């Protein structure tokens, strides 16, 4: 099996790798740009401040991705990953920035990044807590809890808007889905690999023909700018803000762990303790750089797991292109603005396919689990059920303290906690017996 993957990895041409890198960029772009738009809007940033915030965020995504791609003695998990803003940090950063000022927001991010870097070795020892019954449940919930986000984009992006669910949006979104599916099934060779890119481009062209694409963001953006440390001011340090961001960082580490194992399963690489340690360290350094350049904490994006599965190309080469494209777009605001004209319904259609594939990847891992044992059924059903439940109704924990709400309203974190705790209770540290192990013992 591994030999069949080696040839395309070695022979993929530079132009094809660049196109695949662009596909990865478009898959994560909307989710990433959303974070600075939400935080900047909440803090009433001016147009020029918002332009800088979005551009430097894109730039730092490229830097953070390179940190994770390149395996060194200290950092980098060395898997085909793309890093972007941790969306679970939005509300805590809004609250911190609004109450304590922008400096407190970035001071907390830097301290949280240092915390992640320092505990990476300790946190990596939790590998034994993630047998297939846990990782399969976690990866399944990573995909399925993101489906509502995809449908929100499909309907137009804003649920409270009167135009949400407009027939034009639905047509564009579902046409995008149909094109991606059609190209994936009937496309040959490289066309098959870039099904998502083709779907996004075709959907955008259709939306343009229906008058739903505006080029004004491109016209208004500047041509070039350089990143500046402490652009919004020097960081300040407040205990409450730091503790809050550390809690957020713990949730992103748990989420990244699930993505690392999903990528390991997809690429046929066994994830060891040292791999996890380097991966966590890379995210910690990325967060510290985020505070330095006044951006955000970064985590591994699960969207791109679906892109890898659908394209069939599991080498890091396209991701390097994606990282360099992100850096260039961050330096050229006008070029970066081109990607912002993709309508929400188009992105929503692509997300449905990608997130569904991530969920299916988790189901595939669960096939290794011995479900003749009721305890494994309970671990999977309760963890997925709880994760989906808090995703749909996060208000159920609205009366709890802020720190508890931050953890318990994240479906991925809740599913992780439930799966790990139940697995420890039922199976202990040895994990669960997979089907293959059961057959061997028989």
Protein backbone atom coordinates (compact mmCIF):
# COMPACT_ATOMS: atom_id res chain seq x y z
CA UNK A 1 0.00 0.00 0.00
CA UNK A 2 2.77 2.44 0.94
CA UNK A 3 4.61 1.73 -2.30
CA UNK A 4 1.61 2.84 -4.34
CA UNK A 5 1.68 6.23 -2.59
CA UNK A 6 5.42 6.75 -3.06
CA UNK A 7 5.42 7.23 -6.83
CA UNK A 8 2.98 10.16 -7.12
CA UNK A 9 4.70 11.85 -4.20
CA UNK A 10 8.05 11.68 -6.01
CA UNK A 11 6.83 12.58 -9.50
CA UNK A 12 4.31 15.37 -8.90
CA UNK A 13 5.38 18.39 -10.97
CA UNK A 14 5.90 21.89 -9.62
CA UNK A 15 2.91 23.42 -11.51
CA UNK A 16 0.60 20.66 -10.25
CA UNK A 17 1.91 21.04 -6.70
CA UNK A 18 1.27 24.80 -6.95
CA UNK A 19 -2.34 24.25 -8.06
CA UNK A 20 -2.88 21.76 -5.24
CA UNK A 21 -1.39 24.31 -2.84
CA UNK A 22 -3.87 26.91 -4.09
CA UNK A 23 -6.67 24.42 -3.44
CA UNK A 24 -5.51 24.00 0.17
CA UNK A 25 -5.32 27.78 0.56
CA UNK A 26 -8.87 28.34 -0.68
CA UNK A 27 -10.17 25.55 1.56
CA UNK A 28 -8.89 27.25 4.72
CA UNK A 29 -9.06 30.91 3.67
CA UNK A 30 -12.63 31.69 4.69
CA UNK A 31 -12.35 30.10 8.13
CA UNK A 32 -9.11 31.91 8.76
CA UNK A 33 -10.11 35.39 7.56
CA UNK A 34 -13.31 35.13 9.61
CA UNK A 35 -11.37 35.43 12.89
CA UNK A 36 -9.76 38.85 12.27
CA UNK A 37 -13.01 40.14 10.75
CA UNK A 38 -15.01 39.15 13.85
CA UNK A 39 -12.47 40.45 16.37
CA UNK A 40 -11.63 43.63 14.45
CA UNK A 41 -15.32 44.39 13.92
CA UNK A 42 -16.11 43.86 17.61
CA UNK A 43 -13.27 46.22 18.64
CA UNK A 44 -14.38 48.85 16.07
CA UNK A 45 -11.16 48.82 14.03
CA UNK A 46 -10.88 51.39 11.25
CA UNK A 47 -10.76 50.28 7.61
CA UNK A 48 -6.95 50.64 7.52
CA UNK A 49 -6.57 48.73 10.79
CA UNK A 50 -8.82 45.97 9.50
CA UNK A 51 -6.83 45.72 6.25
CA UNK A 52 -3.62 45.34 8.23
CA UNK A 53 -5.16 42.80 10.62
CA UNK A 54 -6.42 40.55 7.82
CA UNK A 55 -3.20 40.82 5.81
CA UNK A 56 -0.83 40.14 8.72
CA UNK A 57 -3.03 37.25 9.77
CA UNK A 58 -2.70 35.68 6.31
CA UNK A 59 1.06 36.27 6.40
CA UNK A 60 1.41 34.61 9.82
CA UNK A 61 -0.67 31.63 8.69
CA UNK A 62 2.03 30.96 6.12
CA UNK A 63 4.81 31.29 8.70
CA UNK A 64 2.96 29.05 11.18
CA UNK A 65 2.38 26.42 8.47
CA UNK A 66 6.08 26.38 7.58
CA UNK A 67 6.95 25.89 11.25
CA UNK A 68 4.75 22.80 11.35
CA UNK A 69 5.74 21.40 7.94
CA UNK A 70 9.50 21.36 8.48
CA UNK A 71 10.51 18.72 10.99
CA UNK A 72 13.45 19.82 13.17
CA UNK A 73 14.88 18.53 16.44
CA UNK A 74 12.67 21.03 18.27
CA UNK A 75 9.57 21.72 16.18
CA UNK A 76 7.40 20.53 13.30
CA UNK A 77 5.27 17.40 13.05
CA UNK A 78 6.30 16.98 9.40
CA UNK A 79 2.80 16.17 8.11
CA UNK A 80 0.89 17.91 5.28
CA UNK A 81 -0.86 20.41 7.56
CA UNK A 82 -2.12 23.97 7.17
CA UNK A 83 -2.37 26.24 10.21
CA UNK A 84 -4.91 28.98 10.71
CA UNK A 85 -6.54 31.05 13.45
CA UNK A 86 -8.14 29.10 16.27
CA UNK A 87 -11.82 30.06 15.96
CA UNK A 88 -12.51 29.14 19.60
CA UNK A 89 -10.34 32.11 20.57
CA UNK A 90 -12.74 34.65 19.05
CA UNK A 91 -15.08 35.29 21.98
CA UNK A 92 -12.36 35.25 24.69
CA UNK A 93 -10.24 37.70 22.66
CA UNK A 94 -13.25 39.95 22.05
CA UNK A 95 -14.00 39.99 25.78
CA UNK A 96 -10.36 40.66 26.71
CA UNK A 97 -9.88 43.37 24.10
CA UNK A 98 -13.13 45.07 25.01
CA UNK A 99 -12.60 45.00 28.79
CA UNK A 100 -8.82 45.30 29.20
CA UNK A 101 -7.63 46.75 25.89
CA UNK A 102 -5.92 45.45 22.77
CA UNK A 103 -2.54 45.16 24.53
CA UNK A 104 -3.97 42.71 27.07
CA UNK A 105 -5.28 40.58 24.21
CA UNK A 106 -1.83 40.19 22.67
CA UNK A 107 -0.06 39.77 26.01
CA UNK A 108 -2.39 36.86 26.80
CA UNK A 109 -1.73 35.28 23.38
CA UNK A 110 2.06 35.43 23.91
CA UNK A 111 1.81 33.89 27.39
CA UNK A 112 -0.51 31.14 26.15
CA UNK A 113 1.95 30.35 23.34
CA UNK A 114 4.77 30.07 25.87
CA UNK A 115 2.58 27.81 28.01
CA UNK A 116 1.92 25.48 25.05
CA UNK A 117 5.63 25.35 24.24
CA UNK A 118 6.60 24.52 27.83
CA UNK A 119 4.00 21.77 28.42
CA UNK A 120 4.41 20.13 24.97
CA UNK A 121 6.53 17.32 26.40
CA UNK A 122 4.06 16.55 29.18
CA UNK A 123 1.03 16.81 26.89
CA UNK A 124 2.63 14.49 24.32
CA UNK A 125 2.55 11.67 26.88
CA UNK A 126 -1.22 11.46 26.50
CA UNK A 127 -0.72 9.39 23.33
CA UNK A 128 -1.73 6.24 25.21
CA UNK A 129 -5.07 7.88 25.91
CA UNK A 130 -5.92 7.84 22.18
CA UNK A 131 -6.54 4.25 20.99
CA UNK A 132 -8.71 3.77 17.85
CA UNK A 133 -12.01 3.95 19.78
CA UNK A 134 -11.02 7.42 21.01
CA UNK A 135 -9.30 8.77 17.88
CA UNK A 136 -12.06 7.45 15.62
CA UNK A 137 -14.74 9.10 17.76
CA UNK A 138 -12.75 12.35 17.96
CA UNK A 139 -12.07 12.59 14.22
CA UNK A 140 -15.70 11.76 13.46
CA UNK A 141 -16.88 14.59 15.69
CA UNK A 142 -14.29 17.02 14.23
CA UNK A 143 -15.91 16.55 10.83
CA UNK A 144 -19.56 16.40 11.88
CA UNK A 145 -19.50 19.37 14.30
CA UNK A 146 -18.25 21.55 11.44
CA UNK A 147 -21.15 20.62 9.14
CA UNK A 148 -23.40 23.34 10.70
CA UNK A 149 -20.72 25.92 9.82
CA UNK A 150 -20.80 24.65 6.24
CA UNK A 151 -24.59 24.97 6.08
CA UNK A 152 -24.44 28.46 7.56
CA UNK A 153 -22.15 29.49 4.70
CA UNK A 154 -24.35 27.65 2.22
CA UNK A 155 -27.33 29.74 3.29
CA UNK A 156 -25.47 33.02 2.91
CA UNK A 157 -23.23 33.27 5.95
CA UNK A 158 -25.46 35.12 8.45
CA UNK A 159 -28.35 33.19 9.98
CA UNK A 160 -30.05 36.34 11.31
CA UNK A 161 -30.11 37.96 7.86
CA UNK A 162 -33.46 38.18 6.08
CA UNK A 163 -31.80 36.83 2.94
CA UNK A 164 -30.47 33.69 4.68
CA UNK A 165 -31.49 30.66 2.63
CA UNK A 166 -32.09 32.73 -0.49
CA UNK A 167 -32.74 30.34 -3.42
CA UNK A 168 -29.82 31.88 -5.34
CA UNK A 169 -27.45 31.01 -2.49
CA UNK A 170 -28.77 27.46 -2.32
CA UNK A 171 -28.45 26.98 -6.09
CA UNK A 172 -24.85 28.24 -6.10
CA UNK A 173 -23.92 26.14 -3.06
CA UNK A 174 -25.42 22.89 -4.32
CA UNK A 175 -24.05 23.41 -7.84
CA UNK A 176 -20.61 23.73 -6.21
CA UNK A 177 -21.19 20.42 -4.40
CA UNK A 178 -22.35 18.71 -7.61
CA UNK A 179 -19.32 19.95 -9.56
CA UNK A 180 -16.89 18.76 -6.87
CA UNK A 181 -18.55 15.34 -6.73
CA UNK A 182 -18.72 15.03 -10.53
CA UNK A 183 -15.07 15.97 -11.06
CA UNK A 184 -14.02 13.63 -8.25
CA UNK A 185 -15.92 10.69 -9.75
CA UNK A 186 -15.35 11.23 -13.48
CA UNK A 187 -12.24 13.41 -13.52
CA UNK A 188 -9.05 11.70 -14.64
CA UNK A 189 -5.53 12.13 -13.34
CA UNK A 190 -4.76 15.60 -12.04
CA UNK A 191 -8.30 16.87 -12.71
CA UNK A 192 -9.48 14.42 -10.07
CA UNK A 193 -6.96 15.83 -7.56
CA UNK A 194 -8.17 19.43 -7.87
CA UNK A 195 -11.91 18.71 -7.69
CA UNK A 196 -12.42 21.18 -4.83
CA UNK A 197 -10.52 23.97 -6.61
CA UNK A 198 -12.55 23.43 -9.80
CA UNK A 199 -15.78 23.47 -7.79
CA UNK A 200 -14.86 26.71 -6.01
CA UNK A 201 -13.84 28.45 -9.25
CA UNK A 202 -16.94 27.26 -11.14
CA UNK A 203 -19.22 28.22 -8.25
CA UNK A 204 -17.65 31.69 -8.06
CA UNK A 205 -18.11 32.21 -11.81
CA UNK A 206 -21.77 31.17 -11.51
CA UNK A 207 -22.24 33.53 -8.56
CA UNK A 208 -20.63 36.32 -10.59
CA UNK A 209 -23.05 35.71 -13.44
CA UNK A 210 -25.88 36.02 -10.90
CA UNK A 211 -24.54 39.33 -9.58
CA UNK A 212 -23.28 37.97 -6.24
CA UNK A 213 -19.57 38.80 -6.62
CA UNK A 214 -18.18 42.26 -5.84
CA UNK A 215 -14.67 43.32 -6.86
CA UNK A 216 -14.67 46.38 -4.61
CA UNK A 217 -12.50 44.71 -1.91
CA UNK A 218 -9.77 44.26 -4.53
CA UNK A 219 -10.03 47.87 -5.73
CA UNK A 220 -9.87 49.28 -2.21
CA UNK A 221 -6.91 47.21 -0.98
CA UNK A 222 -3.36 48.59 -1.11
CA UNK A 223 -0.62 46.98 -3.19
CA UNK A 224 2.05 46.24 -0.60
CA UNK A 225 2.87 46.44 3.09
CA UNK A 226 5.36 44.93 5.55
CA UNK A 227 4.56 43.27 8.87
CA UNK A 228 5.30 45.47 11.88
CA UNK A 229 5.83 44.16 15.42
CA UNK A 230 3.45 45.66 17.98
CA UNK A 231 1.45 47.44 15.25
CA UNK A 232 -1.48 48.01 17.64
CA UNK A 233 0.72 48.76 20.64
CA UNK A 234 2.87 46.89 23.15
CA UNK A 235 1.35 43.94 25.01
CA UNK A 236 0.15 44.18 28.60
CA UNK A 237 -0.26 41.26 30.96
CA UNK A 238 -3.35 40.51 33.05
CA UNK A 239 -3.80 37.28 35.02
CA UNK A 240 -7.44 36.71 34.10
CA UNK A 241 -6.78 37.21 30.38
CA UNK A 242 -3.74 34.92 30.45
CA UNK A 243 -5.61 32.12 32.26
CA UNK A 244 -8.48 32.41 29.79
CA UNK A 245 -6.15 32.11 26.78
CA UNK A 246 -4.36 29.16 28.37
CA UNK A 247 -7.74 27.41 28.63
CA UNK A 248 -8.34 28.17 24.95
CA UNK A 249 -4.89 26.79 24.12
CA UNK A 250 -5.69 23.52 25.87
CA UNK A 251 -8.78 23.11 23.70
CA UNK A 252 -6.77 23.75 20.53
CA UNK A 253 -4.13 21.23 21.62
CA UNK A 254 -6.81 18.58 22.09
CA UNK A 255 -8.31 19.44 18.70
CA UNK A 256 -4.90 19.42 17.00
CA UNK A 257 -4.19 16.01 18.53
CA UNK A 258 -7.23 14.60 16.75
CA UNK A 259 -6.16 16.18 13.45
CA UNK A 260 -2.59 14.84 13.85
CA UNK A 261 -3.91 11.31 14.30
CA UNK A 262 -6.29 11.74 11.35
CA UNK A 263 -3.40 12.84 9.14
CA UNK A 264 -1.24 10.01 10.43
CA UNK A 265 -3.94 7.51 9.52
CA UNK A 266 -4.42 9.14 6.12
CA UNK A 267 -0.71 9.21 5.23
CA UNK A 268 0.13 5.84 6.79
CA UNK A 269 2.47 7.39 9.36
CA UNK A 270 2.40 6.24 12.98
CA UNK A 271 2.23 9.27 15.28
CA UNK A 272 4.74 8.95 18.11
CA UNK A 273 5.17 10.94 21.31
CA UNK A 274 8.05 12.97 19.84
CA UNK A 275 5.93 13.86 16.80
CA UNK A 276 3.21 15.26 19.06
CA UNK A 277 5.78 17.18 21.09
CA UNK A 278 7.22 18.88 18.01
CA UNK A 279 3.72 19.61 16.70
CA UNK A 280 2.63 21.28 19.93
CA UNK A 281 5.86 23.29 20.12
CA UNK A 282 5.36 24.60 16.58
CA UNK A 283 1.86 25.80 17.52
CA UNK A 284 3.23 27.40 20.70
CA UNK A 285 5.88 29.33 18.77
CA UNK A 286 3.28 30.35 16.18
CA UNK A 287 1.08 31.78 18.96
CA UNK A 288 4.01 33.73 20.45
CA UNK A 289 4.76 35.18 17.01
CA UNK A 290 1.06 35.98 16.69
CA UNK A 291 1.24 38.08 19.85
CA UNK A 292 4.43 39.76 18.68
CA UNK A 293 2.92 40.79 15.32
CA UNK A 294 -0.53 41.49 16.79
CA UNK A 295 -2.41 38.59 15.21
CA UNK A 296 -3.81 35.45 16.86
CA UNK A 297 -3.07 31.94 18.19
CA UNK A 298 -2.83 29.32 15.44
CA UNK A 299 -3.93 25.69 15.28
CA UNK A 300 -3.97 22.89 12.72
CA UNK A 301 -6.96 23.20 10.37
CA UNK A 302 -9.14 20.11 10.01
CA UNK A 303 -10.59 21.41 6.71
CA UNK A 304 -7.44 20.36 4.90
CA UNK A 305 -7.72 16.73 5.99
CA UNK A 306 -10.71 16.48 3.67
CA UNK A 307 -8.74 18.12 0.85
CA UNK A 308 -5.95 15.54 1.23
CA UNK A 309 -8.41 12.66 1.19
CA UNK A 310 -10.25 13.95 -1.87
CA UNK A 311 -7.15 14.86 -3.89
CA UNK A 312 -5.30 11.62 -3.08
CA UNK A 313 -2.03 13.60 -2.96
CA UNK A 314 -0.62 13.27 0.55
CA UNK A 315 2.82 14.81 0.15
CA UNK A 316 3.93 18.03 1.87
CA UNK A 317 5.03 19.60 -1.43
CA UNK A 318 1.66 21.31 -2.22
CA UNK A 319 1.44 22.55 1.38
CA UNK A 320 4.78 24.32 1.02
CA UNK A 321 3.31 26.15 -1.96
CA UNK A 322 0.23 26.96 0.08
CA UNK A 323 2.40 28.40 2.87
CA UNK A 324 4.39 30.56 0.45
CA UNK A 325 1.18 31.74 -1.25
CA UNK A 326 -0.17 32.78 2.16
CA UNK A 327 3.01 34.75 2.90
CA UNK A 328 2.87 36.50 -0.50
CA UNK A 329 -0.84 37.30 -0.11
CA UNK A 330 -0.10 38.73 3.33
CA UNK A 331 2.46 41.10 1.79
CA UNK A 332 0.17 42.04 -1.12
CA UNK A 333 -3.22 43.06 0.32
CA UNK A 334 -4.71 43.64 -3.13
CA UNK A 335 -3.81 40.12 -4.23
CA UNK A 336 -5.05 38.70 -0.95
CA UNK A 337 -8.38 40.48 -1.38
CA UNK A 338 -9.04 38.41 -4.53
CA UNK A 339 -9.70 35.35 -2.37
CA UNK A 340 -12.22 37.30 -0.25
CA UNK A 341 -14.60 37.73 -3.19
CA UNK A 342 -15.53 34.03 -3.13
CA UNK A 343 -19.19 34.02 -2.00
CA UNK A 344 -20.20 32.26 1.22
CA UNK A 345 -22.50 29.75 -0.55
CA UNK A 346 -19.59 28.55 -2.71
CA UNK A 347 -17.40 28.02 0.35
CA UNK A 348 -20.32 26.36 2.13
CA UNK A 349 -20.76 23.86 -0.67
CA UNK A 350 -17.07 22.97 -0.63
CA UNK A 351 -17.10 22.72 3.18
CA UNK A 352 -19.96 20.21 3.16
CA UNK A 353 -17.86 17.87 1.05
CA UNK A 354 -14.63 18.43 3.02
CA UNK A 355 -16.10 18.19 6.51
CA UNK A 356 -18.15 15.16 5.56
CA UNK A 357 -14.98 13.46 4.40
CA UNK A 358 -13.24 14.24 7.70
CA UNK A 359 -16.16 12.64 9.56
CA UNK A 360 -16.03 9.61 7.27
CA UNK A 361 -12.30 9.30 7.99
CA UNK A 362 -13.19 8.93 11.67
CA UNK A 363 -15.78 6.26 10.83
CA UNK A 364 -13.07 4.43 8.88
CA UNK A 365 -10.83 4.38 11.97
CA UNK A 366 -13.74 3.11 14.08
CA UNK A 367 -13.88 0.05 11.80
CA UNK A 368 -10.74 -1.14 13.63
CA UNK A 369 -12.63 -1.21 16.95
CA UNK A 370 -14.14 -4.40 18.38
CA UNK A 371 -17.78 -3.36 18.65
CA UNK A 372 -18.82 -6.79 19.88
CA UNK A 373 -17.99 -5.24 23.27
CA UNK A 374 -20.77 -3.01 24.58
CA UNK A 375 -18.28 -0.74 26.35
CA UNK A 376 -16.76 0.35 23.02
CA UNK A 377 -20.24 1.11 21.67
CA UNK A 378 -20.89 3.25 24.75
CA UNK A 379 -17.60 5.14 24.38
CA UNK A 380 -18.31 6.00 20.75
CA UNK A 381 -22.02 6.76 21.06
CA UNK A 382 -21.74 8.93 24.18
CA UNK A 383 -18.70 10.92 23.02
CA UNK A 384 -20.18 11.65 19.58
CA UNK A 385 -23.62 12.31 21.04
CA UNK A 386 -22.30 14.76 23.65
CA UNK A 387 -20.08 16.50 21.09
CA UNK A 388 -22.96 17.01 18.68
CA UNK A 389 -25.31 18.04 21.48
CA UNK A 390 -23.22 20.94 22.77
CA UNK A 391 -22.48 22.02 19.21
CA UNK A 392 -26.18 22.41 18.45
CA UNK A 393 -27.16 23.85 21.86
CA UNK A 394 -24.13 25.50 23.51
CA UNK A 395 -26.58 27.64 25.53
CA UNK A 396 -27.14 24.66 27.81
CA UNK A 397 -24.04 25.75 29.78
CA UNK A 398 -24.80 29.49 29.78
CA UNK A 399 -25.02 29.69 33.61
CA UNK A 400 -21.60 28.13 34.22
CA UNK A 401 -18.44 30.20 34.88
CA UNK A 402 -16.69 31.60 31.80
CA UNK A 403 -13.73 29.18 31.96
CA UNK A 404 -16.06 26.16 32.17
CA UNK A 405 -18.24 27.47 29.33
CA UNK A 406 -15.18 27.91 27.15
CA UNK A 407 -14.37 24.21 27.47
CA UNK A 408 -17.85 22.72 27.56
CA UNK A 409 -19.35 24.60 24.60
CA UNK A 410 -16.69 23.21 22.25
CA UNK A 411 -18.10 19.97 20.84
CA UNK A 412 -14.67 18.62 19.92
CA UNK A 413 -13.31 19.17 23.43
CA UNK A 414 -16.41 17.65 25.07
CA UNK A 415 -16.22 14.58 22.81
CA UNK A 416 -12.50 14.23 23.59
CA UNK A 417 -13.03 14.41 27.35
CA UNK A 418 -15.94 11.95 27.31
CA UNK A 419 -14.12 9.47 25.02
CA UNK A 420 -10.85 9.58 27.01
CA UNK A 421 -12.53 9.31 30.43
CA UNK A 422 -14.87 6.48 29.40
CA UNK A 423 -12.05 4.60 27.68
CA UNK A 424 -9.89 4.87 30.82
CA UNK A 425 -12.80 3.67 32.94
CA UNK A 426 -13.70 0.72 30.70
CA UNK A 427 -10.39 -0.25 29.10
CA UNK A 428 -7.63 1.32 31.22
CA UNK A 429 -4.36 2.66 29.81
CA UNK A 430 -3.96 -0.32 27.47
CA UNK A 431 -6.78 1.06 25.30
CA UNK A 432 -9.30 -1.06 23.44
CA UNK A 433 -8.64 -4.24 21.53
CA UNK A 434 -8.92 -3.70 17.81
CA UNK A 435 -10.51 -6.26 15.50
CA UNK A 436 -7.10 -7.38 14.24
CA UNK A 437 -5.87 -7.96 17.80
CA UNK A 438 -9.03 -9.93 18.65
CA UNK A 439 -8.52 -12.18 15.63
CA UNK A 440 -4.86 -12.76 16.56
CA UNK A 441 -5.78 -13.76 20.10
CA UNK A 442 -8.34 -16.20 18.74
